[in-house]
N, C-alpha and C. Protein backbone atom coordinates (compact mmCIF):
# COMPACT_ATOMS: atom_id res chain seq x y z
N MET A 1 16.61 2.72 8.78
CA MET A 1 16.31 2.08 10.57
C MET A 1 15.34 2.75 10.68
N ARG A 2 15.06 4.10 10.43
CA ARG A 2 14.03 4.79 11.47
C ARG A 2 12.91 4.12 10.96
N ASN A 3 12.56 3.72 9.41
CA ASN A 3 11.38 2.80 9.18
C ASN A 3 11.08 1.68 9.65
N ILE A 4 12.21 0.93 10.34
CA ILE A 4 11.65 -0.45 10.82
C ILE A 4 11.42 -0.03 12.14
N SER A 5 11.82 0.85 12.80
CA SER A 5 11.69 1.17 14.18
C SER A 5 10.14 1.52 14.57
N ILE A 6 9.52 2.51 13.39
CA ILE A 6 8.34 3.18 13.38
C ILE A 6 7.34 1.44 12.91
N ILE A 7 7.49 0.82 12.43
CA ILE A 7 6.60 -0.22 12.35
C ILE A 7 7.00 -0.59 13.29
N PHE A 8 7.78 -1.67 14.14
CA PHE A 8 8.00 -1.80 15.11
C PHE A 8 7.31 -1.30 16.47
N ASN A 9 7.33 -0.32 16.48
CA ASN A 9 6.81 0.61 17.43
C ASN A 9 5.24 0.45 16.96
N ALA A 10 4.88 0.14 16.22
CA ALA A 10 3.33 0.32 15.95
C ALA A 10 2.84 -0.90 16.25
N LEU A 11 3.14 -2.27 15.80
CA LEU A 11 3.20 -3.20 16.07
C LEU A 11 3.06 -3.79 17.69
N ARG A 12 4.21 -3.40 18.48
CA ARG A 12 4.24 -2.93 19.42
C ARG A 12 3.01 -2.41 20.42
N SER A 13 2.55 -1.68 19.68
CA SER A 13 0.89 -0.83 20.16
C SER A 13 -0.33 -1.87 20.13
N LEU A 14 -0.10 -2.33 19.35
CA LEU A 14 -1.44 -3.83 19.01
C LEU A 14 -2.04 -4.42 20.72
N SER A 15 -3.27 -4.43 20.46
CA SER A 15 -4.04 -5.27 21.68
C SER A 15 -3.66 -7.16 21.25
N PHE A 16 -4.05 -7.46 22.21
CA PHE A 16 -3.86 -9.37 22.02
C PHE A 16 -4.69 -9.37 20.79
N ASP A 17 -5.86 -9.37 20.76
CA ASP A 17 -7.03 -9.03 19.52
C ASP A 17 -6.15 -8.77 18.25
N LYS A 18 -5.80 -8.11 18.09
CA LYS A 18 -5.29 -7.41 16.79
C LYS A 18 -4.22 -7.79 16.92
N ILE A 19 -3.10 -8.27 17.93
CA ILE A 19 -1.84 -9.53 17.37
C ILE A 19 -2.37 -10.60 16.52
N LYS A 20 -3.41 -11.26 17.30
CA LYS A 20 -4.41 -12.51 16.98
C LYS A 20 -4.43 -12.50 15.23
N LYS A 21 -4.95 -11.43 15.05
CA LYS A 21 -5.25 -11.09 13.69
C LYS A 21 -4.04 -10.71 12.80
N VAL A 22 -2.49 -10.19 13.19
CA VAL A 22 -1.77 -10.41 12.36
C VAL A 22 -1.52 -11.92 12.49
N MET A 23 -1.55 -12.92 13.30
CA MET A 23 -1.30 -14.02 13.52
C MET A 23 -1.83 -14.77 12.39
N GLY A 24 -3.18 -14.37 11.90
CA GLY A 24 -4.12 -14.86 11.50
C GLY A 24 -3.75 -14.75 9.90
N LEU A 25 -2.74 -13.78 9.56
CA LEU A 25 -2.73 -13.16 8.15
C LEU A 25 -1.13 -14.14 8.07
N THR A 26 -0.20 -13.91 9.06
CA THR A 26 1.12 -14.26 8.73
C THR A 26 1.28 -15.33 8.94
N LEU A 27 1.11 -16.41 9.84
CA LEU A 27 1.16 -17.93 9.70
C LEU A 27 1.16 -18.27 8.26
N PRO A 28 -0.34 -18.19 8.18
CA PRO A 28 -0.45 -19.02 7.24
C PRO A 28 0.32 -18.87 5.32
N HIS A 29 1.08 -17.84 5.58
CA HIS A 29 1.54 -17.01 4.25
C HIS A 29 2.52 -16.76 4.89
N PRO A 30 3.48 -17.60 5.13
CA PRO A 30 5.54 -16.93 5.90
C PRO A 30 5.76 -16.32 5.02
N LEU A 31 5.78 -16.89 3.46
CA LEU A 31 6.27 -16.19 2.68
C LEU A 31 6.27 -14.73 1.93
N PHE A 32 5.02 -14.97 1.95
CA PHE A 32 3.95 -13.87 1.47
C PHE A 32 3.72 -12.39 2.94
N SER A 33 4.11 -12.97 3.88
CA SER A 33 4.55 -12.13 4.87
C SER A 33 5.68 -11.12 5.05
N ILE A 34 6.61 -12.09 4.79
CA ILE A 34 8.21 -11.80 4.19
C ILE A 34 7.98 -10.59 3.14
N MET A 35 7.37 -10.92 2.10
CA MET A 35 7.74 -10.01 1.12
C MET A 35 6.89 -8.88 1.56
N GLY A 36 6.05 -9.07 1.73
CA GLY A 36 4.87 -7.98 2.78
C GLY A 36 5.13 -6.65 3.12
N PHE A 37 6.33 -7.51 4.28
CA PHE A 37 6.79 -6.80 5.20
C PHE A 37 7.81 -5.64 4.35
N TYR A 38 8.82 -6.42 3.39
CA TYR A 38 9.84 -5.79 2.63
C TYR A 38 8.95 -4.99 1.85
N ALA A 39 7.57 -5.12 1.55
CA ALA A 39 6.88 -4.08 0.70
C ALA A 39 6.78 -2.82 1.48
N ILE A 40 6.67 -3.25 2.63
CA ILE A 40 6.39 -1.41 3.38
C ILE A 40 7.37 -0.92 3.61
N LEU A 41 8.52 -1.62 3.86
CA LEU A 41 9.80 -0.79 4.07
C LEU A 41 10.17 -0.16 2.63
N ARG A 42 10.15 -0.74 1.26
CA ARG A 42 10.55 -0.07 0.11
C ARG A 42 9.31 1.21 -0.23
N SER A 43 7.82 0.80 0.23
CA SER A 43 7.33 1.61 0.41
C SER A 43 7.90 3.15 0.65
N PHE A 44 7.72 2.78 2.43
CA PHE A 44 8.34 3.87 2.69
C PHE A 44 9.54 4.69 2.99
N SER A 45 10.25 3.71 2.61
CA SER A 45 11.44 4.53 1.66
C SER A 45 11.56 5.46 0.30
N LEU A 46 11.04 4.73 -0.27
CA LEU A 46 10.38 5.45 -1.94
C LEU A 46 9.92 6.71 -1.11
N ALA A 47 8.74 6.66 -0.71
CA ALA A 47 7.67 8.02 -0.21
C ALA A 47 8.67 8.84 0.32
N GLN A 48 9.28 8.73 1.04
CA GLN A 48 10.41 9.42 1.85
C GLN A 48 10.75 9.64 1.08
N LYS A 49 11.93 9.31 0.06
CA LYS A 49 12.61 9.78 -0.93
C LYS A 49 11.87 11.34 -1.97
N HIS A 50 10.67 10.76 -2.13
CA HIS A 50 9.98 11.78 -3.12
C HIS A 50 9.31 13.13 -2.76
N PHE A 51 8.52 12.22 -1.34
CA PHE A 51 7.45 13.27 -0.74
C PHE A 51 7.84 13.52 0.66
N PRO A 52 9.17 14.20 1.01
CA PRO A 52 9.64 13.71 2.49
C PRO A 52 8.58 14.89 3.58
N LYS A 53 7.79 15.13 3.10
CA LYS A 53 6.99 16.28 3.94
C LYS A 53 5.91 15.77 4.10
N THR A 54 5.35 14.99 3.08
CA THR A 54 3.46 14.32 2.72
C THR A 54 3.54 13.01 2.53
N HIS A 55 4.90 12.29 3.23
CA HIS A 55 4.41 10.69 2.93
C HIS A 55 3.80 10.17 4.23
N SER A 56 4.20 10.75 5.74
CA SER A 56 3.27 10.93 6.76
C SER A 56 2.46 11.16 7.58
N ASN A 57 1.74 12.22 6.39
CA ASN A 57 0.31 12.64 6.65
C ASN A 57 -0.73 12.13 5.62
N ASN A 58 -1.76 12.98 5.50
CA ASN A 58 -2.77 12.55 4.56
C ASN A 58 -2.27 13.53 2.93
N GLY A 59 -1.03 13.73 2.81
CA GLY A 59 -1.13 14.59 1.64
C GLY A 59 -0.48 13.76 -0.01
N ILE A 60 0.04 14.33 -0.82
CA ILE A 60 -0.03 13.07 -1.81
C ILE A 60 1.10 12.48 -2.01
N GLY A 61 1.92 12.23 -0.79
CA GLY A 61 2.78 11.24 -0.76
C GLY A 61 2.44 10.30 0.18
N ASN A 62 1.71 10.25 0.81
CA ASN A 62 0.75 9.40 1.46
C ASN A 62 0.13 8.68 0.66
N ALA A 63 -0.62 9.18 -0.50
CA ALA A 63 -1.71 8.53 -1.63
C ALA A 63 -0.26 7.42 -2.67
N PHE A 64 0.90 8.10 -2.23
CA PHE A 64 1.51 7.27 -3.65
C PHE A 64 1.76 6.30 -2.72
N ARG A 65 2.30 6.04 -1.55
CA ARG A 65 2.99 5.68 -0.84
C ARG A 65 2.16 4.36 -0.38
N HIS A 66 0.86 4.17 -0.60
CA HIS A 66 -0.50 3.30 -0.29
C HIS A 66 -0.81 2.73 -1.94
N SER A 67 -0.32 3.80 -2.57
CA SER A 67 -0.25 2.52 -4.12
C SER A 67 0.75 2.06 -4.35
N LEU A 68 1.97 2.79 -3.96
CA LEU A 68 3.23 1.84 -4.34
C LEU A 68 3.28 0.75 -3.39
N TRP A 69 2.48 0.95 -2.01
CA TRP A 69 2.99 -0.29 -1.04
C TRP A 69 2.00 -1.56 -1.79
N ASN A 70 1.11 -1.28 -2.68
CA ASN A 70 -0.11 -2.24 -2.79
C ASN A 70 0.87 -2.93 -4.42
N CYS A 71 1.43 -1.93 -5.18
CA CYS A 71 1.80 -2.64 -6.28
C CYS A 71 3.10 -3.68 -5.48
N LEU A 72 4.02 -2.96 -5.01
CA LEU A 72 5.17 -3.54 -4.19
C LEU A 72 4.80 -5.04 -4.01
N ILE A 73 3.84 -4.95 -3.31
CA ILE A 73 3.36 -6.90 -2.34
C ILE A 73 3.13 -7.43 -3.65
N LEU A 74 2.08 -6.48 -4.66
CA LEU A 74 1.74 -7.59 -5.56
C LEU A 74 3.07 -8.29 -6.01
N MET A 75 3.96 -7.25 -6.63
CA MET A 75 5.37 -7.75 -7.20
C MET A 75 5.61 -8.55 -6.96
N TYR A 76 6.26 -8.53 -5.41
CA TYR A 76 6.97 -9.46 -4.77
C TYR A 76 6.08 -11.01 -4.64
N CYS A 77 5.04 -10.83 -4.29
CA CYS A 77 4.77 -12.14 -4.13
C CYS A 77 4.07 -12.56 -5.76
N CYS A 78 3.80 -12.03 -6.20
CA CYS A 78 3.64 -12.87 -7.70
C CYS A 78 5.02 -13.21 -8.54
N LYS A 79 6.25 -13.47 -7.82
CA LYS A 79 7.60 -13.61 -7.92
C LYS A 79 8.01 -15.38 -7.11
N ILE A 80 6.50 -15.79 -6.56
CA ILE A 80 7.19 -16.77 -5.61
C ILE A 80 5.13 -17.38 -6.02
N SER A 81 4.29 -16.95 -6.67
CA SER A 81 2.89 -17.66 -6.93
C SER A 81 2.19 -17.13 -7.60
N SER A 82 0.67 -17.32 -7.80
CA SER A 82 0.19 -16.58 -9.23
C SER A 82 -0.03 -15.43 -8.66
N PRO A 83 -0.52 -14.65 -9.82
CA PRO A 83 -1.34 -13.11 -9.66
C PRO A 83 -2.30 -13.26 -8.73
N GLN A 84 -3.66 -14.09 -8.58
CA GLN A 84 -4.66 -14.43 -8.01
C GLN A 84 -4.07 -14.60 -6.85
N LYS A 85 -3.44 -15.30 -6.09
CA LYS A 85 -3.24 -15.62 -5.09
C LYS A 85 -2.76 -14.27 -3.68
N ALA A 86 -1.49 -14.12 -4.69
CA ALA A 86 -1.27 -12.36 -4.21
C ALA A 86 -1.89 -11.48 -4.04
N LEU A 87 -2.88 -11.47 -5.48
CA LEU A 87 -3.93 -10.40 -5.11
C LEU A 87 -4.94 -10.70 -4.13
N ASP A 88 -5.01 -11.95 -3.55
CA ASP A 88 -6.12 -12.39 -2.55
C ASP A 88 -4.91 -11.67 -0.99
N TYR A 89 -3.84 -11.85 -1.06
CA TYR A 89 -2.83 -11.72 -0.23
C TYR A 89 -3.12 -10.05 -0.01
N CYS A 90 -3.03 -9.63 -0.64
CA CYS A 90 -2.57 -7.62 -0.79
C CYS A 90 -4.07 -7.37 -0.34
N LYS A 91 -4.74 -8.00 -0.53
CA LYS A 91 -6.31 -7.50 -0.37
C LYS A 91 -6.18 -7.60 1.54
N LYS A 92 -5.99 -8.87 1.68
CA LYS A 92 -6.31 -9.09 3.22
C LYS A 92 -4.92 -8.26 4.05
N MET A 93 -4.19 -8.07 3.35
CA MET A 93 -2.88 -7.73 4.34
C MET A 93 -3.27 -5.86 4.29
N THR A 94 -3.69 -5.44 3.28
CA THR A 94 -3.57 -3.66 3.38
C THR A 94 -5.43 -3.46 3.92
N ASP A 95 -6.42 -4.22 3.84
CA ASP A 95 -7.77 -4.20 4.38
C ASP A 95 -7.19 -4.32 5.99
N LEU A 96 -6.42 -5.26 6.60
CA LEU A 96 -6.28 -5.60 8.09
C LEU A 96 -5.50 -4.34 8.36
N HIS A 97 -4.32 -3.73 7.68
CA HIS A 97 -4.04 -2.57 8.23
C HIS A 97 -4.88 -1.56 8.20
N GLU A 98 -5.67 -1.11 7.91
CA GLU A 98 -6.89 -0.36 8.48
C GLU A 98 -7.82 -0.71 9.20
N GLU A 99 -7.80 -1.80 9.84
CA GLU A 99 -8.94 -2.22 10.55
C GLU A 99 -7.62 -2.13 11.91
N LEU A 100 -6.43 -2.50 11.97
CA LEU A 100 -5.37 -2.35 12.87
C LEU A 100 -5.04 -1.07 13.14
N PHE A 101 -5.38 0.00 12.15
CA PHE A 101 -4.71 1.26 12.43
C PHE A 101 -5.62 2.09 12.11
N PRO A 102 -7.20 2.09 13.03
CA PRO A 102 -7.75 3.16 12.35
C PRO A 102 -7.71 4.56 12.65
N ASN A 103 -8.50 5.05 11.29
CA ASN A 103 -8.19 6.81 11.18
C ASN A 103 -9.77 6.96 10.92
N GLU A 104 -10.10 8.17 10.63
CA GLU A 104 -11.28 9.23 10.72
C GLU A 104 -11.78 8.15 9.22
N PRO A 105 -13.06 8.23 9.03
CA PRO A 105 -13.65 7.46 8.04
C PRO A 105 -13.18 8.52 6.51
N LEU A 106 -12.96 9.71 6.59
CA LEU A 106 -12.36 9.86 5.22
C LEU A 106 -11.13 9.45 4.89
N GLU A 107 -10.50 9.53 6.00
CA GLU A 107 -8.99 9.21 5.86
C GLU A 107 -8.95 7.78 5.03
N THR A 108 -10.03 6.87 6.08
CA THR A 108 -9.71 5.24 5.64
C THR A 108 -10.09 5.38 3.97
N LYS A 109 -11.23 6.20 3.98
CA LYS A 109 -11.52 6.22 1.93
C LYS A 109 -10.51 6.17 1.59
N MET A 110 -9.77 7.64 1.89
CA MET A 110 -8.08 7.86 1.00
C MET A 110 -7.63 6.59 1.10
N ASP A 111 -7.29 5.93 1.75
CA ASP A 111 -5.95 5.10 2.07
C ASP A 111 -6.68 3.45 1.18
N LEU A 112 -8.03 3.32 1.18
CA LEU A 112 -8.57 2.24 0.70
C LEU A 112 -8.63 2.44 -0.66
N HIS A 113 -9.08 3.68 -0.96
CA HIS A 113 -8.76 4.28 -2.52
C HIS A 113 -7.29 4.04 -3.37
N ASN A 114 -6.99 4.57 -2.69
CA ASN A 114 -5.07 4.70 -2.86
C ASN A 114 -4.53 2.87 -3.48
N ASN A 115 -4.82 2.46 -1.76
CA ASN A 115 -4.44 0.79 -2.09
C ASN A 115 -4.76 0.45 -3.58
N GLN A 116 -6.30 0.58 -3.75
CA GLN A 116 -7.38 0.23 -5.09
C GLN A 116 -6.57 0.52 -6.92
N VAL A 117 -6.45 1.76 -6.40
CA VAL A 117 -5.21 2.33 -7.49
C VAL A 117 -3.41 1.66 -7.78
N GLY A 118 -3.35 1.34 -6.60
CA GLY A 118 -2.12 0.59 -6.70
C GLY A 118 -2.43 -0.70 -7.18
N ILE A 119 -3.83 -1.41 -6.61
CA ILE A 119 -3.53 -2.92 -7.43
C ILE A 119 -4.11 -2.66 -8.72
N ASN A 120 -4.99 -1.76 -9.00
CA ASN A 120 -4.79 -1.79 -10.05
C ASN A 120 -4.31 -1.70 -11.06
N LEU A 121 -3.18 -0.68 -10.90
CA LEU A 121 -2.08 -0.23 -11.81
C LEU A 121 -1.34 -0.99 -12.12
N PHE A 122 -1.10 -2.42 -10.84
CA PHE A 122 -0.40 -3.78 -11.11
C PHE A 122 -0.83 -4.68 -12.12
N MET A 123 -2.25 -4.82 -12.00
CA MET A 123 -2.94 -5.52 -13.13
C MET A 123 -3.25 -5.25 -14.17
N GLU A 124 -2.96 -3.65 -14.43
CA GLU A 124 -3.07 -3.64 -16.10
C GLU A 124 -1.75 -3.43 -16.57
N LEU A 125 -1.02 -3.06 -15.64
CA LEU A 125 0.62 -4.06 -16.28
C LEU A 125 1.27 -5.03 -16.56
N LEU A 126 0.23 -5.89 -15.92
CA LEU A 126 0.31 -7.42 -15.31
C LEU A 126 0.26 -8.07 -17.10
N PRO A 127 -0.65 -8.20 -17.67
CA PRO A 127 -0.17 -8.94 -18.93
C PRO A 127 0.90 -8.01 -20.15
N GLY A 128 0.89 -7.38 -19.67
CA GLY A 128 2.17 -7.00 -20.56
C GLY A 128 3.70 -7.86 -20.34
N ILE A 129 3.88 -7.48 -19.12
CA ILE A 129 4.76 -7.56 -18.78
C ILE A 129 5.08 -9.35 -17.89
N HIS A 130 6.24 -10.09 -18.29
CA HIS A 130 6.33 -11.39 -17.18
C HIS A 130 6.15 -10.89 -15.92
N ARG A 131 5.57 -11.47 -14.81
CA ARG A 131 5.44 -10.64 -13.71
C ARG A 131 6.83 -11.58 -12.81
N GLN A 132 8.03 -12.37 -13.76
CA GLN A 132 9.23 -12.43 -13.08
C GLN A 132 10.02 -11.09 -13.23
N PHE A 133 9.69 -10.12 -13.97
CA PHE A 133 10.57 -9.01 -14.66
C PHE A 133 10.37 -7.48 -14.26
N PHE A 134 8.96 -8.20 -13.28
CA PHE A 134 8.57 -6.42 -12.82
C PHE A 134 9.56 -5.77 -12.16
N GLU A 135 9.56 -4.52 -12.08
CA GLU A 135 10.83 -3.81 -11.03
C GLU A 135 9.89 -2.57 -10.83
N THR A 136 10.39 -1.94 -9.90
CA THR A 136 9.85 -1.51 -8.48
C THR A 136 9.88 0.41 -9.50
N SER A 137 10.62 0.57 -10.42
CA SER A 137 10.71 1.50 -11.10
C SER A 137 9.03 1.76 -12.37
N PHE A 138 9.22 0.71 -12.73
CA PHE A 138 7.74 1.17 -13.60
C PHE A 138 6.30 1.38 -12.39
N PHE A 139 6.82 0.83 -11.61
CA PHE A 139 5.67 1.37 -10.34
C PHE A 139 5.82 2.97 -10.17
N VAL A 140 6.88 3.50 -9.82
CA VAL A 140 7.37 4.76 -9.31
C VAL A 140 7.61 5.71 -10.19
N GLU A 141 7.37 5.55 -11.46
CA GLU A 141 7.10 6.12 -12.90
C GLU A 141 6.02 6.61 -12.91
N LYS A 142 5.11 5.19 -12.70
CA LYS A 142 3.55 5.27 -13.33
C LYS A 142 2.96 6.56 -12.29
N LEU A 143 3.35 6.58 -11.03
CA LEU A 143 2.52 6.67 -9.58
C LEU A 143 3.00 8.12 -9.07
N MET A 144 4.52 8.34 -10.22
CA MET A 144 4.85 9.98 -9.85
C MET A 144 3.77 10.66 -10.91
N GLN A 145 3.70 10.06 -12.27
CA GLN A 145 2.62 10.48 -13.27
C GLN A 145 1.38 11.00 -12.36
N LYS A 146 1.03 10.03 -11.77
CA LYS A 146 -0.47 10.13 -11.02
C LYS A 146 0.00 11.11 -10.00
N THR A 147 0.84 11.58 -9.58
CA THR A 147 0.63 12.13 -8.01
C THR A 147 -0.21 13.71 -9.32
N LYS A 148 0.60 13.84 -10.46
CA LYS A 148 0.46 15.07 -11.08
C LYS A 148 -1.35 15.94 -11.04
N THR A 149 -1.84 14.62 -11.40
CA THR A 149 -3.70 14.69 -11.23
C THR A 149 -3.94 14.53 -10.84
N ALA A 150 -3.75 14.14 -9.14
CA ALA A 150 -3.86 13.92 -7.97
C ALA A 150 -5.21 14.53 -7.78
N LYS A 151 -6.35 13.97 -7.07
CA LYS A 151 -7.50 14.90 -6.95
C LYS A 151 -7.30 15.28 -4.97
N ILE A 152 -8.50 16.21 -4.73
CA ILE A 152 -8.53 16.16 -2.85
C ILE A 152 -9.83 15.41 -2.76
N LEU A 153 -9.89 14.96 -1.93
CA LEU A 153 -11.00 14.35 -1.31
C LEU A 153 -11.51 14.84 -0.31
N GLU A 154 -13.08 15.23 -0.64
CA GLU A 154 -13.10 16.05 0.49
C GLU A 154 -14.77 15.46 1.06
N LYS A 155 -15.59 14.53 0.67
CA LYS A 155 -16.84 13.91 0.90
C LYS A 155 -16.45 12.55 0.65
N LEU A 156 -16.96 11.42 1.66
CA LEU A 156 -17.36 10.24 1.19
C LEU A 156 -17.82 9.88 0.25
N GLU A 157 -18.79 10.41 -0.26
CA GLU A 157 -19.29 10.25 -1.38
C GLU A 157 -18.31 10.57 -2.57
N ASP A 158 -17.23 11.37 -2.85
CA ASP A 158 -16.37 11.72 -4.06
C ASP A 158 -16.03 10.31 -4.40
N ASP A 159 -15.98 10.25 -5.84
CA ASP A 159 -15.33 9.19 -6.31
C ASP A 159 -14.67 9.90 -7.60
N PHE A 160 -13.09 9.31 -7.72
CA PHE A 160 -12.35 9.78 -8.47
C PHE A 160 -11.28 8.77 -9.57
N GLY A 161 -12.05 7.43 -9.46
CA GLY A 161 -12.01 6.66 -10.25
C GLY A 161 -10.11 6.20 -9.91
N ASP A 162 -9.80 6.22 -10.94
CA ASP A 162 -8.01 5.79 -10.73
C ASP A 162 -7.37 6.45 -10.60
N GLU A 163 -8.27 8.05 -10.41
CA GLU A 163 -6.61 8.91 -10.08
C GLU A 163 -6.48 8.55 -8.45
N LEU A 164 -5.11 8.95 -7.75
CA LEU A 164 -4.97 9.09 -6.63
C LEU A 164 -5.40 10.20 -5.71
N VAL A 165 -6.06 10.41 -4.46
CA VAL A 165 -6.63 11.17 -3.67
C VAL A 165 -5.50 11.22 -2.55
N TYR A 166 -5.92 12.57 -1.79
CA TYR A 166 -5.69 13.12 -0.91
C TYR A 166 -6.33 13.66 -0.30
N LEU A 167 -6.13 14.27 1.28
CA LEU A 167 -7.29 15.45 1.94
C LEU A 167 -6.01 16.60 1.69
N LYS A 168 -6.85 17.82 1.94
CA LYS A 168 -6.55 19.32 2.09
C LYS A 168 -5.52 19.35 3.19
N GLU A 169 -4.03 19.82 3.30
CA GLU A 169 -3.64 19.98 4.75
C GLU A 169 -4.13 21.10 5.17
């Protein structure tokens, strides 16, 4: 319940122009939007369970949450549409999140990088598993492994490929 109030408080803080952007994303794709919202709740909940101290700051839990969020959006949306449409929506939704709630440049780079790690993980698993049979546990397990090798992002020029990144606390 706490996660829902955090999300609604964040939405209440948006300006009229930003609300128009949210509507521009959600109205053309109402089912994807419902799935995306559910993905937010699940990723918050799982990140809080596995990383109670770092999921809401710039630590390893945040990296896990962003990657998981992208995996879950793709998983849920692929169950009702094609992988390409799900990918297009996922990119729009997660990029819009960074635009609506701007961070410092290094934090934004971290979030966008970890979003891409989640997308890459989903796309890597997609050919081997029928999209109707994906489960959250597939991603949690793989991302938990990735947290063990996560790198600290210190400069905008840093590139860590498909590793999770986080900021020094």
